[in-house]
Amino acid sequence: HPSIARVFHYGRTEFLDYLVMEFVPGHNLHDVRLARREQRLDVDEVLRVALDVLSALEAAHLVGVIHNDIKPRN
């Protein structure tokens, strides 16, 4: 799915599990909101972001992946 970062590798050490993921340049929603302190996101922006997130979550769920940390910083 175009809105999901690729996972290149995953593994486990004695002390932790880890993922090596694609770097996605840009800003997260939290940072965008902070930069626009006095200006709300317009309805078109909110709908675009919401639909992208929901589409990505649906794609992940269809293959059995559950994201347990959905928030503006992620």
C-alpha atoms as a PDB file:
ATOM      1  CA  HIS A   1       0.000   0.000   0.000  1.00  0.00           C
ATOM      2  CA  PRO A   2       1.460   3.428  -0.895  1.00  0.00           C
ATOM      3  CA  SER A   3       0.767   4.854   2.581  1.00  0.00           C
ATOM      4  CA  ILE A   4       2.596   2.101   4.467  1.00  0.00           C
ATOM      5  CA  ALA A   5       6.357   2.263   5.013  1.00  0.00           C
ATOM      6  CA  ARG A   6       8.167  -0.853   3.852  1.00  0.00           C
ATOM      7  CA  VAL A   7       9.833  -3.164   6.352  1.00  0.00           C
ATOM      8  CA  PHE A   8      13.233  -4.287   5.051  1.00  0.00           C
ATOM      9  CA  HIS A   9      14.245  -6.522   7.913  1.00  0.00           C
ATOM     10  CA  TYR A  10      13.121  -7.617  11.338  1.00  0.00           C
ATOM     11  CA  GLY A  11      14.769  -9.608  14.045  1.00  0.00           C
ATOM     12  CA  ARG A  12      15.302 -10.313  17.677  1.00  0.00           C
ATOM     13  CA  THR A  13      18.312  -9.950  19.922  1.00  0.00           C
ATOM     14  CA  GLU A  14      18.711 -11.200  23.436  1.00  0.00           C
ATOM     15  CA  PHE A  15      17.157  -7.964  24.732  1.00  0.00           C
ATOM     16  CA  LEU A  16      14.792  -6.621  22.083  1.00  0.00           C
ATOM     17  CA  ASP A  17      12.804  -7.129  18.909  1.00  0.00           C
ATOM     18  CA  TYR A  18      13.497  -4.683  16.053  1.00  0.00           C
ATOM     19  CA  LEU A  19      12.383  -3.538  12.601  1.00  0.00           C
ATOM     20  CA  VAL A  20      14.453  -1.919   9.870  1.00  0.00           C
ATOM     21  CA  MET A  21      11.999   0.270   7.971  1.00  0.00           C
ATOM     22  CA  GLU A  22      11.940   2.566   4.978  1.00  0.00           C
ATOM     23  CA  PHE A  23      12.738   6.214   5.756  1.00  0.00           C
ATOM     24  CA  VAL A  24       9.819   8.375   4.670  1.00  0.00           C
ATOM     25  CA  PRO A  25      10.751  12.061   4.388  1.00  0.00           C
ATOM     26  CA  GLY A  26       8.237  14.697   5.368  1.00  0.00           C
ATOM     27  CA  HIS A  27       6.311  15.790   8.411  1.00  0.00           C
ATOM     28  CA  ASN A  28       3.928  13.949  10.668  1.00  0.00           C
ATOM     29  CA  LEU A  29       0.450  15.289  11.403  1.00  0.00           C
ATOM     30  CA  HIS A  30       1.448  16.430  14.895  1.00  0.00           C
ATOM     31  CA  ASP A  31       4.226  18.659  13.511  1.00  0.00           C
ATOM     32  CA  VAL A  32       1.940  20.074  10.814  1.00  0.00           C
ATOM     33  CA  ARG A  33      -0.619  21.042  13.450  1.00  0.00           C
ATOM     34  CA  LEU A  34       2.069  22.687  15.614  1.00  0.00           C
ATOM     35  CA  ALA A  35       3.345  24.690  12.643  1.00  0.00           C
ATOM     36  CA  ARG A  36      -0.196  25.956  11.993  1.00  0.00           C
ATOM     37  CA  ARG A  37      -1.028  26.876  15.577  1.00  0.00           C
ATOM     38  CA  GLU A  38      -3.725  29.406  14.732  1.00  0.00           C
ATOM     39  CA  GLN A  39      -4.876  27.908  11.455  1.00  0.00           C
ATOM     40  CA  ARG A  40      -6.984  24.770  11.328  1.00  0.00           C
ATOM     41  CA  LEU A  41      -6.487  22.183   8.633  1.00  0.00           C
ATOM     42  CA  ASP A  42      -9.178  22.608   6.023  1.00  0.00           C
ATOM     43  CA  VAL A  43     -11.815  19.952   5.496  1.00  0.00           C
ATOM     44  CA  ASP A  44     -10.220  18.681   2.264  1.00  0.00           C
ATOM     45  CA  GLU A  45      -6.872  18.130   4.030  1.00  0.00           C
ATOM     46  CA  VAL A  46      -8.502  16.368   6.965  1.00  0.00           C
ATOM     47  CA  LEU A  47     -10.503  14.079   4.672  1.00  0.00           C
ATOM     48  CA  ARG A  48      -7.454  13.257   2.540  1.00  0.00           C
ATOM     49  CA  VAL A  49      -5.362  12.346   5.595  1.00  0.00           C
ATOM     50  CA  ALA A  50      -8.186  10.388   7.234  1.00  0.00           C
ATOM     51  CA  LEU A  51      -8.952   8.418   4.072  1.00  0.00           C
ATOM     52  CA  ASP A  52      -5.238   7.657   3.495  1.00  0.00           C
ATOM     53  CA  VAL A  53      -4.862   6.396   7.066  1.00  0.00           C
ATOM     54  CA  LEU A  54      -8.031   4.319   6.919  1.00  0.00           C
ATOM     55  CA  SER A  55      -7.062   2.828   3.566  1.00  0.00           C
ATOM     56  CA  ALA A  56      -3.619   1.874   4.900  1.00  0.00           C
ATOM     57  CA  LEU A  57      -5.114   0.356   8.062  1.00  0.00           C
ATOM     58  CA  GLU A  58      -7.561  -1.666   5.994  1.00  0.00           C
ATOM     59  CA  ALA A  59      -4.722  -3.007   3.829  1.00  0.00           C
ATOM     60  CA  ALA A  60      -2.714  -3.950   6.910  1.00  0.00           C
ATOM     61  CA  HIS A  61      -5.679  -5.622   8.601  1.00  0.00           C
ATOM     62  CA  LEU A  62      -6.436  -7.667   5.481  1.00  0.00           C
ATOM     63  CA  VAL A  63      -3.027  -9.346   5.821  1.00  0.00           C
ATOM     64  CA  GLY A  64      -3.288  -9.777   9.592  1.00  0.00           C
ATOM     65  CA  VAL A  65      -1.197  -6.807  10.741  1.00  0.00           C
ATOM     66  CA  ILE A  66      -2.572  -4.690  13.589  1.00  0.00           C
ATOM     67  CA  HIS A  67      -1.044  -1.263  14.305  1.00  0.00           C
ATOM     68  CA  ASN A  68      -1.274  -0.632  18.049  1.00  0.00           C
ATOM     69  CA  ASP A  69      -0.086   2.967  18.095  1.00  0.00           C
ATOM     70  CA  ILE A  70      -2.141   5.135  15.725  1.00  0.00           C
ATOM     71  CA  LYS A  71      -1.602   8.790  16.622  1.00  0.00           C
ATOM     72  CA  PRO A  72      -0.643  12.059  14.873  1.00  0.00           C
ATOM     73  CA  ARG A  73       3.082  11.530  15.493  1.00  0.00           C
ATOM     74  CA  ASN A  74       2.997   8.146  13.735  1.00  0.00           C
END
